[in-house]
N, C-alpha and C. Protein backbone atom coordinates (compact mmCIF):
# COMPACT_ATOMS: atom_id res chain seq x y z
N MET A 1 -5.28 -14.26 85.10
CA MET A 1 -5.26 -15.11 83.90
C MET A 1 -6.29 -14.64 82.90
N LYS A 2 -7.49 -14.29 83.35
CA LYS A 2 -8.56 -13.82 82.48
C LYS A 2 -8.16 -12.53 81.81
N LYS A 3 -7.47 -11.65 82.58
CA LYS A 3 -7.05 -10.37 82.01
C LYS A 3 -6.08 -10.61 80.85
N ARG A 4 -5.20 -11.57 81.05
CA ARG A 4 -4.24 -11.86 79.97
C ARG A 4 -4.95 -12.35 78.71
N LEU A 5 -5.96 -13.18 78.91
CA LEU A 5 -6.73 -13.69 77.78
C LEU A 5 -7.46 -12.56 77.07
N ILE A 6 -8.02 -11.65 77.82
CA ILE A 6 -8.76 -10.51 77.23
C ILE A 6 -7.80 -9.64 76.43
N TYR A 7 -6.65 -9.32 77.07
CA TYR A 7 -5.67 -8.47 76.38
C TYR A 7 -5.16 -9.17 75.12
N GLY A 8 -4.94 -10.46 75.22
CA GLY A 8 -4.46 -11.21 74.06
C GLY A 8 -5.47 -11.18 72.92
N SER A 9 -6.75 -11.31 73.27
CA SER A 9 -7.82 -11.29 72.25
C SER A 9 -7.90 -9.94 71.59
N LEU A 10 -7.79 -8.87 72.42
CA LEU A 10 -7.83 -7.52 71.87
C LEU A 10 -6.67 -7.28 70.93
N ALA A 11 -5.49 -7.71 71.34
CA ALA A 11 -4.30 -7.51 70.50
C ALA A 11 -4.45 -8.24 69.18
N LEU A 12 -4.98 -9.48 69.24
CA LEU A 12 -5.18 -10.27 68.02
C LEU A 12 -6.19 -9.59 67.11
N SER A 13 -7.24 -9.02 67.70
CA SER A 13 -8.28 -8.33 66.92
C SER A 13 -7.70 -7.12 66.22
N LEU A 14 -6.84 -6.35 66.93
CA LEU A 14 -6.22 -5.16 66.34
C LEU A 14 -5.32 -5.54 65.18
N ILE A 15 -4.55 -6.63 65.36
CA ILE A 15 -3.63 -7.07 64.29
C ILE A 15 -4.41 -7.49 63.07
N LEU A 16 -5.46 -8.31 63.27
CA LEU A 16 -6.27 -8.77 62.14
C LEU A 16 -6.98 -7.63 61.48
N GLY A 17 -7.45 -6.67 62.28
CA GLY A 17 -8.19 -5.53 61.74
C GLY A 17 -7.31 -4.67 60.86
N SER A 18 -6.04 -4.54 61.19
CA SER A 18 -5.15 -3.65 60.44
C SER A 18 -4.62 -4.31 59.19
N THR A 19 -4.60 -5.66 59.15
CA THR A 19 -3.99 -6.33 58.00
C THR A 19 -5.03 -6.91 57.05
N THR A 20 -6.28 -7.04 57.49
CA THR A 20 -7.30 -7.66 56.64
C THR A 20 -8.26 -6.61 56.15
N VAL A 21 -8.39 -6.55 54.86
CA VAL A 21 -9.23 -5.52 54.27
C VAL A 21 -10.70 -5.88 54.38
N SER A 22 -11.04 -7.15 54.05
CA SER A 22 -12.45 -7.52 54.01
C SER A 22 -12.72 -8.77 54.85
N ALA A 23 -11.90 -8.98 55.92
CA ALA A 23 -12.05 -10.18 56.74
C ALA A 23 -13.34 -10.13 57.55
N HIS A 24 -13.96 -11.31 57.76
CA HIS A 24 -15.13 -11.43 58.61
C HIS A 24 -15.27 -12.89 58.98
N PRO A 25 -16.15 -13.23 59.85
CA PRO A 25 -16.26 -14.63 60.31
C PRO A 25 -16.46 -15.59 59.15
N GLY A 26 -15.86 -16.75 59.25
CA GLY A 26 -16.03 -17.77 58.23
C GLY A 26 -14.68 -18.31 57.78
N ARG A 27 -14.65 -19.59 57.52
CA ARG A 27 -13.40 -20.21 57.10
C ARG A 27 -13.18 -19.99 55.60
N THR A 28 -11.91 -19.91 55.26
CA THR A 28 -11.56 -19.76 53.83
C THR A 28 -11.12 -21.11 53.28
N ASP A 29 -11.26 -21.26 51.98
CA ASP A 29 -10.84 -22.52 51.33
C ASP A 29 -9.36 -22.43 50.95
N SER A 30 -8.90 -23.43 50.19
CA SER A 30 -7.48 -23.48 49.82
C SER A 30 -7.07 -22.31 48.93
N ASN A 31 -8.04 -21.66 48.32
CA ASN A 31 -7.73 -20.49 47.47
C ASN A 31 -7.76 -19.18 48.26
N GLY A 32 -8.08 -19.26 49.54
CA GLY A 32 -8.12 -18.05 50.36
C GLY A 32 -9.45 -17.31 50.29
N GLY A 33 -10.49 -17.94 49.84
CA GLY A 33 -11.79 -17.29 49.76
C GLY A 33 -12.89 -18.21 50.26
N HIS A 34 -14.10 -17.65 50.38
CA HIS A 34 -15.23 -18.49 50.77
C HIS A 34 -16.54 -17.79 50.41
N THR A 35 -17.63 -18.49 50.61
CA THR A 35 -18.96 -17.96 50.30
C THR A 35 -19.59 -17.38 51.57
N CYS A 36 -20.06 -16.15 51.44
CA CYS A 36 -20.64 -15.48 52.61
C CYS A 36 -21.99 -16.09 52.97
N ARG A 37 -22.15 -16.39 54.24
CA ARG A 37 -23.41 -16.98 54.74
C ARG A 37 -23.94 -16.24 55.98
N THR A 38 -23.07 -15.41 56.60
CA THR A 38 -23.46 -14.79 57.89
C THR A 38 -23.24 -13.28 57.84
N ASN A 39 -24.29 -12.50 58.17
CA ASN A 39 -24.19 -11.02 58.25
C ASN A 39 -23.51 -10.44 56.99
N CYS A 40 -23.96 -10.92 55.85
CA CYS A 40 -23.30 -10.52 54.60
C CYS A 40 -23.39 -9.02 54.33
N SER A 41 -24.57 -8.46 54.60
CA SER A 41 -24.74 -7.02 54.32
C SER A 41 -23.83 -6.17 55.17
N LYS A 42 -23.49 -6.65 56.35
CA LYS A 42 -22.60 -5.92 57.25
C LYS A 42 -21.23 -5.72 56.61
N TRP A 43 -20.85 -6.70 55.81
CA TRP A 43 -19.53 -6.63 55.16
C TRP A 43 -19.60 -6.10 53.74
N GLY A 44 -20.79 -5.61 53.37
CA GLY A 44 -20.96 -5.07 52.02
C GLY A 44 -21.08 -6.16 50.97
N LEU A 45 -21.54 -7.37 51.37
CA LEU A 45 -21.66 -8.50 50.46
C LEU A 45 -23.10 -8.98 50.40
N SER A 46 -23.38 -9.86 49.46
CA SER A 46 -24.69 -10.48 49.34
C SER A 46 -24.61 -11.91 49.83
N ASN A 47 -25.71 -12.41 50.34
CA ASN A 47 -25.73 -13.78 50.84
C ASN A 47 -25.42 -14.74 49.70
N GLY A 48 -24.47 -15.63 49.91
CA GLY A 48 -24.08 -16.58 48.88
C GLY A 48 -22.99 -16.06 47.95
N GLU A 49 -22.51 -14.84 48.20
CA GLU A 49 -21.47 -14.27 47.33
C GLU A 49 -20.10 -14.82 47.71
N TYR A 50 -19.39 -15.34 46.71
CA TYR A 50 -18.05 -15.87 46.94
C TYR A 50 -17.05 -14.73 46.84
N HIS A 51 -16.11 -14.64 47.79
CA HIS A 51 -15.15 -13.55 47.78
C HIS A 51 -13.85 -13.98 48.44
N TYR A 52 -12.86 -13.12 48.31
CA TYR A 52 -11.53 -13.39 48.86
C TYR A 52 -11.24 -12.43 50.00
N HIS A 53 -10.35 -12.86 50.88
CA HIS A 53 -9.87 -12.00 51.95
C HIS A 53 -8.56 -11.37 51.55
N ASN A 54 -8.26 -10.26 52.23
CA ASN A 54 -6.97 -9.59 52.05
C ASN A 54 -6.70 -9.19 50.60
N GLY A 55 -7.72 -8.77 49.89
CA GLY A 55 -7.51 -8.20 48.54
C GLY A 55 -7.25 -9.24 47.48
N GLY A 56 -7.55 -10.55 47.76
CA GLY A 56 -7.30 -11.56 46.75
C GLY A 56 -8.20 -11.38 45.55
N GLY A 57 -7.79 -11.89 44.40
CA GLY A 57 -8.60 -11.77 43.19
C GLY A 57 -9.07 -13.13 42.74
N SER A 58 -10.19 -13.18 42.07
CA SER A 58 -10.74 -14.44 41.63
C SER A 58 -10.05 -14.92 40.37
N SER A 59 -10.03 -16.26 40.22
CA SER A 59 -9.42 -16.82 39.03
C SER A 59 -10.25 -16.49 37.80
N SER A 60 -11.59 -16.29 38.02
CA SER A 60 -12.46 -15.99 36.88
C SER A 60 -12.13 -14.65 36.29
N SER A 61 -11.80 -13.65 37.16
CA SER A 61 -11.46 -12.32 36.65
C SER A 61 -10.16 -12.37 35.89
N GLY A 62 -9.21 -13.22 36.36
CA GLY A 62 -7.93 -13.35 35.67
C GLY A 62 -8.12 -13.91 34.28
N SER A 63 -9.00 -14.95 34.21
CA SER A 63 -9.23 -15.55 32.89
C SER A 63 -9.96 -14.60 32.00
N SER A 64 -10.85 -13.76 32.62
CA SER A 64 -11.57 -12.77 31.82
C SER A 64 -10.61 -11.76 31.24
N SER A 65 -9.63 -11.33 32.08
CA SER A 65 -8.64 -10.36 31.61
C SER A 65 -7.81 -10.95 30.50
N SER A 66 -7.43 -12.26 30.69
CA SER A 66 -6.64 -12.92 29.66
C SER A 66 -7.41 -13.05 28.37
N SER A 67 -8.75 -13.34 28.55
CA SER A 67 -9.60 -13.47 27.36
C SER A 67 -9.72 -12.15 26.63
N SER A 68 -9.86 -11.04 27.42
CA SER A 68 -9.98 -9.72 26.81
C SER A 68 -8.71 -9.37 26.07
N SER A 69 -7.56 -9.71 26.71
CA SER A 69 -6.27 -9.41 26.07
C SER A 69 -6.12 -10.18 24.78
N SER A 70 -6.55 -11.47 24.81
CA SER A 70 -6.45 -12.30 23.61
C SER A 70 -7.36 -11.78 22.52
N GLN A 71 -8.59 -11.35 22.94
CA GLN A 71 -9.54 -10.82 21.96
C GLN A 71 -9.02 -9.53 21.36
N SER A 72 -8.41 -8.67 22.23
CA SER A 72 -7.86 -7.41 21.74
C SER A 72 -6.75 -7.66 20.74
N SER A 73 -5.89 -8.66 21.06
CA SER A 73 -4.79 -9.00 20.15
C SER A 73 -5.32 -9.53 18.83
N SER A 74 -6.43 -10.34 18.94
CA SER A 74 -7.04 -10.88 17.73
C SER A 74 -7.62 -9.78 16.87
N ASN A 75 -8.27 -8.79 17.54
CA ASN A 75 -8.86 -7.67 16.80
C ASN A 75 -7.79 -6.86 16.08
N LYS A 76 -6.63 -6.68 16.75
CA LYS A 76 -5.53 -5.93 16.14
C LYS A 76 -5.04 -6.64 14.88
N ASN A 77 -4.96 -8.00 14.97
CA ASN A 77 -4.50 -8.74 13.81
C ASN A 77 -5.49 -8.64 12.66
N GLU A 78 -6.81 -8.64 13.01
CA GLU A 78 -7.84 -8.56 11.98
C GLU A 78 -7.87 -7.19 11.34
N SER A 79 -7.50 -6.15 12.10
CA SER A 79 -7.60 -4.79 11.57
C SER A 79 -6.45 -4.43 10.63
N LYS A 80 -5.41 -5.27 10.60
CA LYS A 80 -4.28 -4.97 9.72
C LYS A 80 -4.72 -5.08 8.26
N PRO A 81 -4.46 -4.06 7.45
CA PRO A 81 -4.89 -4.12 6.04
C PRO A 81 -4.10 -5.17 5.28
N LYS A 82 -4.81 -5.89 4.43
CA LYS A 82 -4.15 -6.91 3.63
C LYS A 82 -3.36 -6.24 2.51
N PRO A 83 -2.17 -6.75 2.23
CA PRO A 83 -1.36 -6.14 1.15
C PRO A 83 -2.08 -6.24 -0.18
N LYS A 84 -2.04 -5.14 -0.93
CA LYS A 84 -2.70 -5.12 -2.24
C LYS A 84 -1.85 -5.90 -3.24
N PRO A 85 -2.53 -6.65 -4.09
CA PRO A 85 -1.75 -7.38 -5.12
C PRO A 85 -1.08 -6.42 -6.08
N LYS A 86 0.13 -6.73 -6.45
CA LYS A 86 0.87 -5.87 -7.35
C LYS A 86 0.28 -5.99 -8.76
N PRO A 87 0.13 -4.84 -9.43
CA PRO A 87 -0.40 -4.91 -10.79
C PRO A 87 0.58 -5.63 -11.72
N ALA A 88 0.01 -6.36 -12.66
CA ALA A 88 0.85 -7.10 -13.60
C ALA A 88 1.64 -6.13 -14.47
N ALA A 89 2.90 -6.46 -14.69
CA ALA A 89 3.75 -5.62 -15.52
C ALA A 89 3.25 -5.65 -16.96
N PRO A 90 3.26 -4.50 -17.64
CA PRO A 90 2.80 -4.47 -19.03
C PRO A 90 3.68 -5.35 -19.91
N THR A 91 3.08 -5.96 -20.89
CA THR A 91 3.80 -6.87 -21.76
C THR A 91 4.22 -6.15 -23.03
N TYR A 92 5.52 -5.99 -23.20
CA TYR A 92 6.08 -5.43 -24.42
C TYR A 92 6.84 -6.55 -25.14
N LYS A 93 6.87 -6.47 -26.41
CA LYS A 93 7.69 -7.43 -27.15
C LYS A 93 8.25 -6.75 -28.40
N GLU A 94 9.38 -7.24 -28.85
CA GLU A 94 10.00 -6.68 -30.05
C GLU A 94 9.09 -6.93 -31.25
N SER A 95 8.89 -5.87 -32.00
CA SER A 95 7.96 -5.96 -33.14
C SER A 95 8.63 -6.39 -34.43
N GLY A 96 9.94 -6.15 -34.54
CA GLY A 96 10.62 -6.45 -35.80
C GLY A 96 10.27 -5.46 -36.90
N LEU A 97 9.68 -4.33 -36.49
CA LEU A 97 9.26 -3.32 -37.47
C LEU A 97 10.47 -2.74 -38.20
N LYS A 98 10.33 -2.61 -39.52
CA LYS A 98 11.38 -1.97 -40.34
C LYS A 98 10.87 -0.60 -40.75
N VAL A 99 11.66 0.43 -40.46
CA VAL A 99 11.25 1.80 -40.74
C VAL A 99 12.12 2.39 -41.85
N TYR A 100 11.44 2.98 -42.85
CA TYR A 100 12.15 3.63 -43.96
C TYR A 100 11.81 5.12 -43.95
N ILE A 101 12.82 5.96 -44.01
CA ILE A 101 12.62 7.41 -44.08
C ILE A 101 13.12 7.87 -45.44
N ASN A 102 12.18 8.37 -46.25
CA ASN A 102 12.49 8.79 -47.63
C ASN A 102 13.24 7.70 -48.39
N GLY A 103 12.79 6.45 -48.20
CA GLY A 103 13.34 5.31 -48.94
C GLY A 103 14.56 4.67 -48.30
N LYS A 104 15.11 5.24 -47.23
CA LYS A 104 16.30 4.69 -46.59
C LYS A 104 15.92 4.04 -45.26
N GLN A 105 16.35 2.78 -45.11
CA GLN A 105 15.99 2.07 -43.88
C GLN A 105 16.76 2.63 -42.69
N LEU A 106 16.02 2.85 -41.60
CA LEU A 106 16.61 3.39 -40.39
C LEU A 106 17.15 2.25 -39.53
N SER A 107 18.40 2.36 -39.10
CA SER A 107 19.00 1.34 -38.26
C SER A 107 18.83 1.72 -36.79
N PHE A 108 18.21 0.84 -36.02
CA PHE A 108 17.92 1.11 -34.60
C PHE A 108 18.93 0.44 -33.69
N GLY A 109 19.39 1.17 -32.69
CA GLY A 109 20.22 0.58 -31.64
C GLY A 109 19.35 -0.15 -30.63
N SER A 110 18.13 0.36 -30.38
CA SER A 110 17.14 -0.29 -29.51
C SER A 110 15.97 -0.72 -30.39
N GLU A 111 15.59 -1.97 -30.28
CA GLU A 111 14.59 -2.52 -31.19
C GLU A 111 13.21 -1.88 -30.98
N PRO A 112 12.48 -1.61 -32.07
CA PRO A 112 11.09 -1.15 -31.95
C PRO A 112 10.26 -2.21 -31.21
N LEU A 113 9.26 -1.75 -30.49
CA LEU A 113 8.41 -2.64 -29.70
C LEU A 113 6.96 -2.52 -30.14
N ILE A 114 6.17 -3.50 -29.73
CA ILE A 114 4.73 -3.40 -29.93
C ILE A 114 4.06 -3.59 -28.57
N TYR A 115 3.08 -2.73 -28.29
CA TYR A 115 2.36 -2.78 -27.02
C TYR A 115 0.91 -2.40 -27.30
N GLN A 116 0.00 -3.34 -26.96
CA GLN A 116 -1.43 -3.13 -27.20
C GLN A 116 -1.69 -2.73 -28.66
N ASN A 117 -1.09 -3.47 -29.57
CA ASN A 117 -1.26 -3.28 -31.02
C ASN A 117 -0.76 -1.92 -31.51
N THR A 118 0.10 -1.28 -30.76
CA THR A 118 0.67 0.00 -31.18
C THR A 118 2.18 -0.14 -31.34
N ASN A 119 2.69 0.31 -32.48
CA ASN A 119 4.14 0.27 -32.71
C ASN A 119 4.81 1.43 -31.99
N LEU A 120 5.81 1.09 -31.17
CA LEU A 120 6.58 2.10 -30.45
C LEU A 120 8.02 2.08 -30.97
N ILE A 121 8.56 3.26 -31.23
CA ILE A 121 9.93 3.35 -31.74
C ILE A 121 10.76 4.26 -30.85
N PRO A 122 12.07 4.03 -30.78
CA PRO A 122 12.93 4.87 -29.93
C PRO A 122 12.90 6.33 -30.38
N LEU A 123 12.60 7.21 -29.46
CA LEU A 123 12.44 8.63 -29.77
C LEU A 123 13.71 9.24 -30.37
N ARG A 124 14.83 9.07 -29.70
CA ARG A 124 16.06 9.73 -30.11
C ARG A 124 16.45 9.33 -31.54
N GLU A 125 16.30 8.06 -31.84
CA GLU A 125 16.74 7.57 -33.15
C GLU A 125 15.82 8.01 -34.27
N ILE A 126 14.52 8.01 -34.05
CA ILE A 126 13.60 8.45 -35.10
C ILE A 126 13.72 9.96 -35.31
N ALA A 127 13.97 10.71 -34.22
CA ALA A 127 14.10 12.16 -34.33
C ALA A 127 15.34 12.51 -35.15
N GLU A 128 16.45 11.83 -34.85
CA GLU A 128 17.67 12.09 -35.61
C GLU A 128 17.51 11.68 -37.07
N GLY A 129 16.78 10.56 -37.29
CA GLY A 129 16.58 10.09 -38.65
C GLY A 129 15.75 11.05 -39.48
N MET A 130 14.87 11.82 -38.80
CA MET A 130 14.00 12.76 -39.51
C MET A 130 14.56 14.19 -39.45
N GLY A 131 15.74 14.36 -38.86
CA GLY A 131 16.36 15.67 -38.80
C GLY A 131 15.68 16.63 -37.85
N ALA A 132 15.07 16.11 -36.80
CA ALA A 132 14.38 16.95 -35.81
C ALA A 132 15.25 17.11 -34.56
N THR A 133 14.99 18.18 -33.82
CA THR A 133 15.69 18.41 -32.55
C THR A 133 14.77 18.07 -31.39
N VAL A 134 15.37 17.59 -30.32
CA VAL A 134 14.59 17.15 -29.16
C VAL A 134 15.03 17.91 -27.92
N THR A 135 14.08 18.40 -27.16
CA THR A 135 14.37 19.04 -25.86
C THR A 135 13.59 18.30 -24.78
N TRP A 136 14.17 18.28 -23.56
CA TRP A 136 13.55 17.55 -22.46
C TRP A 136 13.29 18.48 -21.28
N ASN A 137 12.21 18.22 -20.57
CA ASN A 137 11.94 18.89 -19.31
C ASN A 137 11.76 17.79 -18.27
N LYS A 138 12.83 17.51 -17.53
CA LYS A 138 12.82 16.38 -16.59
C LYS A 138 11.78 16.54 -15.49
N SER A 139 11.58 17.78 -15.01
CA SER A 139 10.64 17.99 -13.89
C SER A 139 9.20 17.68 -14.29
N SER A 140 8.82 18.00 -15.52
CA SER A 140 7.43 17.76 -15.96
C SER A 140 7.31 16.50 -16.81
N GLY A 141 8.44 15.97 -17.27
CA GLY A 141 8.41 14.78 -18.11
C GLY A 141 7.97 15.07 -19.53
N SER A 142 8.01 16.33 -19.93
CA SER A 142 7.57 16.70 -21.29
C SER A 142 8.72 16.66 -22.28
N ILE A 143 8.37 16.37 -23.52
CA ILE A 143 9.35 16.25 -24.59
C ILE A 143 8.94 17.20 -25.72
N GLY A 144 9.86 18.03 -26.14
CA GLY A 144 9.59 18.93 -27.25
C GLY A 144 10.36 18.49 -28.49
N ILE A 145 9.64 18.36 -29.61
CA ILE A 145 10.27 17.97 -30.87
C ILE A 145 10.01 19.08 -31.90
N LYS A 146 11.03 19.50 -32.59
CA LYS A 146 10.87 20.60 -33.55
C LYS A 146 11.64 20.32 -34.83
N LYS A 147 10.98 20.64 -35.93
CA LYS A 147 11.63 20.58 -37.23
C LYS A 147 11.04 21.68 -38.10
N GLY A 148 11.86 22.63 -38.50
CA GLY A 148 11.37 23.77 -39.29
C GLY A 148 10.35 24.55 -38.49
N ASN A 149 9.17 24.76 -39.08
CA ASN A 149 8.13 25.51 -38.37
C ASN A 149 7.13 24.59 -37.67
N ARG A 150 7.45 23.33 -37.58
CA ARG A 150 6.57 22.37 -36.90
C ARG A 150 7.12 22.03 -35.52
N LYS A 151 6.20 22.03 -34.58
CA LYS A 151 6.59 21.73 -33.20
C LYS A 151 5.58 20.76 -32.59
N MET A 152 6.08 19.81 -31.87
CA MET A 152 5.24 18.81 -31.23
C MET A 152 5.69 18.64 -29.77
N THR A 153 4.72 18.52 -28.88
CA THR A 153 5.03 18.32 -27.46
C THR A 153 4.32 17.08 -26.94
N LEU A 154 5.08 16.20 -26.33
CA LEU A 154 4.53 14.97 -25.72
C LEU A 154 4.95 14.92 -24.25
N THR A 155 4.24 14.13 -23.48
CA THR A 155 4.56 13.96 -22.06
C THR A 155 4.59 12.48 -21.73
N ILE A 156 5.62 12.06 -21.02
CA ILE A 156 5.75 10.65 -20.62
C ILE A 156 4.50 10.23 -19.85
N GLY A 157 3.88 9.13 -20.28
CA GLY A 157 2.72 8.59 -19.60
C GLY A 157 1.40 9.23 -19.97
N SER A 158 1.41 10.24 -20.85
CA SER A 158 0.17 10.94 -21.23
C SER A 158 -0.13 10.73 -22.71
N LYS A 159 -1.40 10.51 -23.04
CA LYS A 159 -1.80 10.35 -24.44
C LYS A 159 -2.07 11.69 -25.12
N THR A 160 -2.02 12.77 -24.36
CA THR A 160 -2.26 14.10 -24.94
C THR A 160 -1.02 14.58 -25.68
N VAL A 161 -1.20 14.93 -26.92
CA VAL A 161 -0.11 15.42 -27.77
C VAL A 161 -0.49 16.81 -28.30
N PHE A 162 0.47 17.71 -28.32
CA PHE A 162 0.23 19.05 -28.84
C PHE A 162 0.96 19.21 -30.18
N TYR A 163 0.18 19.51 -31.23
CA TYR A 163 0.74 19.80 -32.55
C TYR A 163 0.65 21.30 -32.76
N ASN A 164 1.78 21.99 -32.73
CA ASN A 164 1.80 23.45 -32.88
C ASN A 164 0.78 24.12 -31.94
N GLY A 165 0.71 23.59 -30.69
CA GLY A 165 -0.16 24.19 -29.68
C GLY A 165 -1.56 23.62 -29.63
N THR A 166 -1.97 22.82 -30.62
CA THR A 166 -3.31 22.21 -30.62
C THR A 166 -3.24 20.80 -30.07
N SER A 167 -4.05 20.50 -29.07
CA SER A 167 -3.98 19.19 -28.41
C SER A 167 -4.86 18.15 -29.09
N GLU A 168 -4.35 16.93 -29.11
CA GLU A 168 -5.09 15.78 -29.61
C GLU A 168 -4.76 14.58 -28.72
N THR A 169 -5.56 13.54 -28.84
CA THR A 169 -5.33 12.34 -28.03
C THR A 169 -4.74 11.25 -28.91
N ALA A 170 -3.60 10.74 -28.51
CA ALA A 170 -2.91 9.69 -29.27
C ALA A 170 -3.41 8.31 -28.85
N SER A 171 -3.07 7.30 -29.64
CA SER A 171 -3.48 5.92 -29.33
C SER A 171 -2.69 5.34 -28.16
N ALA A 172 -1.50 5.87 -27.93
CA ALA A 172 -0.66 5.38 -26.84
C ALA A 172 0.22 6.53 -26.35
N ALA A 173 0.63 6.44 -25.09
CA ALA A 173 1.47 7.48 -24.50
C ALA A 173 2.94 7.14 -24.64
N PRO A 174 3.82 8.15 -24.68
CA PRO A 174 5.26 7.87 -24.67
C PRO A 174 5.63 7.12 -23.39
N LYS A 175 6.57 6.20 -23.49
CA LYS A 175 6.95 5.39 -22.35
C LYS A 175 8.46 5.25 -22.27
N VAL A 176 8.95 5.12 -21.04
CA VAL A 176 10.36 4.84 -20.83
C VAL A 176 10.48 3.36 -20.49
N ILE A 177 11.16 2.61 -21.33
CA ILE A 177 11.29 1.17 -21.16
C ILE A 177 12.77 0.80 -21.16
N LYS A 178 13.22 0.30 -20.01
CA LYS A 178 14.63 -0.07 -19.84
C LYS A 178 15.55 1.09 -20.20
N GLY A 179 15.17 2.28 -19.76
CA GLY A 179 16.01 3.46 -19.94
C GLY A 179 15.90 4.12 -21.30
N VAL A 180 15.06 3.59 -22.19
CA VAL A 180 14.89 4.16 -23.54
C VAL A 180 13.48 4.73 -23.66
N THR A 181 13.39 5.97 -24.19
CA THR A 181 12.08 6.60 -24.38
C THR A 181 11.51 6.18 -25.73
N TYR A 182 10.30 5.62 -25.68
CA TYR A 182 9.62 5.17 -26.90
C TYR A 182 8.39 6.04 -27.15
N VAL A 183 8.12 6.26 -28.43
CA VAL A 183 6.94 7.04 -28.82
C VAL A 183 6.17 6.28 -29.90
N PRO A 184 4.85 6.52 -30.00
CA PRO A 184 4.08 5.89 -31.08
C PRO A 184 4.60 6.38 -32.43
N ALA A 185 4.90 5.46 -33.33
CA ALA A 185 5.52 5.80 -34.61
C ALA A 185 4.66 6.76 -35.43
N GLN A 186 3.38 6.47 -35.56
CA GLN A 186 2.52 7.28 -36.41
C GLN A 186 2.32 8.68 -35.83
N VAL A 187 2.19 8.77 -34.51
CA VAL A 187 2.00 10.07 -33.86
C VAL A 187 3.21 10.96 -34.12
N PHE A 188 4.38 10.39 -34.01
CA PHE A 188 5.61 11.16 -34.18
C PHE A 188 5.74 11.68 -35.62
N ALA A 189 5.54 10.78 -36.58
CA ALA A 189 5.69 11.17 -37.98
C ALA A 189 4.67 12.24 -38.37
N ARG A 190 3.45 12.08 -37.89
CA ARG A 190 2.41 13.05 -38.24
C ARG A 190 2.73 14.42 -37.68
N GLY A 191 3.30 14.46 -36.46
CA GLY A 191 3.60 15.73 -35.83
C GLY A 191 4.61 16.55 -36.60
N LEU A 192 5.43 15.90 -37.39
CA LEU A 192 6.44 16.62 -38.17
C LEU A 192 6.02 16.80 -39.63
N GLY A 193 4.73 16.55 -39.90
CA GLY A 193 4.19 16.80 -41.23
C GLY A 193 4.57 15.76 -42.26
N ALA A 194 4.98 14.59 -41.82
CA ALA A 194 5.37 13.53 -42.76
C ALA A 194 4.18 12.64 -43.07
N SER A 195 4.21 12.01 -44.21
CA SER A 195 3.19 11.03 -44.56
C SER A 195 3.72 9.64 -44.23
N ILE A 196 2.84 8.74 -43.84
CA ILE A 196 3.27 7.41 -43.43
C ILE A 196 2.46 6.35 -44.16
N LYS A 197 3.09 5.24 -44.37
CA LYS A 197 2.42 4.10 -45.00
C LYS A 197 2.92 2.83 -44.35
N TYR A 198 1.98 2.09 -43.77
CA TYR A 198 2.36 0.87 -43.07
C TYR A 198 1.90 -0.34 -43.88
N SER A 199 2.80 -1.29 -44.06
CA SER A 199 2.49 -2.54 -44.76
C SER A 199 2.53 -3.68 -43.75
N GLU A 200 1.37 -4.26 -43.49
CA GLU A 200 1.29 -5.35 -42.51
C GLU A 200 1.93 -6.61 -43.04
N SER A 201 1.87 -6.83 -44.35
CA SER A 201 2.38 -8.06 -44.94
C SER A 201 3.88 -8.24 -44.72
N ASN A 202 4.65 -7.15 -44.84
CA ASN A 202 6.11 -7.26 -44.61
C ASN A 202 6.57 -6.43 -43.41
N ASN A 203 5.60 -5.95 -42.60
CA ASN A 203 5.88 -5.25 -41.34
C ASN A 203 6.86 -4.09 -41.54
N THR A 204 6.49 -3.22 -42.46
CA THR A 204 7.34 -2.06 -42.72
C THR A 204 6.53 -0.78 -42.57
N LEU A 205 7.22 0.29 -42.15
CA LEU A 205 6.62 1.60 -42.03
C LEU A 205 7.45 2.58 -42.86
N LYS A 206 6.81 3.16 -43.87
CA LYS A 206 7.51 4.09 -44.76
C LYS A 206 7.09 5.52 -44.42
N ILE A 207 8.10 6.37 -44.10
CA ILE A 207 7.86 7.77 -43.76
C ILE A 207 8.47 8.63 -44.84
N THR A 208 7.68 9.53 -45.39
CA THR A 208 8.19 10.44 -46.41
C THR A 208 7.79 11.86 -46.09
N PHE A 209 8.69 12.82 -46.41
CA PHE A 209 8.37 14.24 -46.20
C PHE A 209 9.17 15.08 -47.18
């Protein structure tokens, strides 16, 4: 009978030894762990250290992991760049400007505009009215205007204007508005050697050449 008890104890010890990673004397609580109080250093533990058997993990480490994950997610949200506010669209309005070329009023299909106190007129219509030819370079956005021996070059969005190869800075740049190219009225007339006279009282621009 004693031999059977001995063999049974040995068999139980072998089974427990093979299945328990960090088992040692002491009862475990409902969570499967307990606080070491006996021969702690033998098991690689410190006296009073709470631990789990069979590879169990503590609830504190789980909450720590969850907290780290939450913090990481929060950091990712904070690192997202805020969308930049869209710039306000420029304000153009119809000027009602009346243009006369050598005493004859020019009829516009697209109304002249005013932007930042500068009168803008449709390029194609003023060029035809003054008998000038227009060439376009779509890749560079440059516009060439020629009449007789006078040549002028403008670029969409640029205030730099070339008069017969000499550059000057205009008050406003040529702009494309609703599919129509507009140019500063005075800059255009000057480039073709015309004289201009503006009357604020009746909002008229007289061009003569």
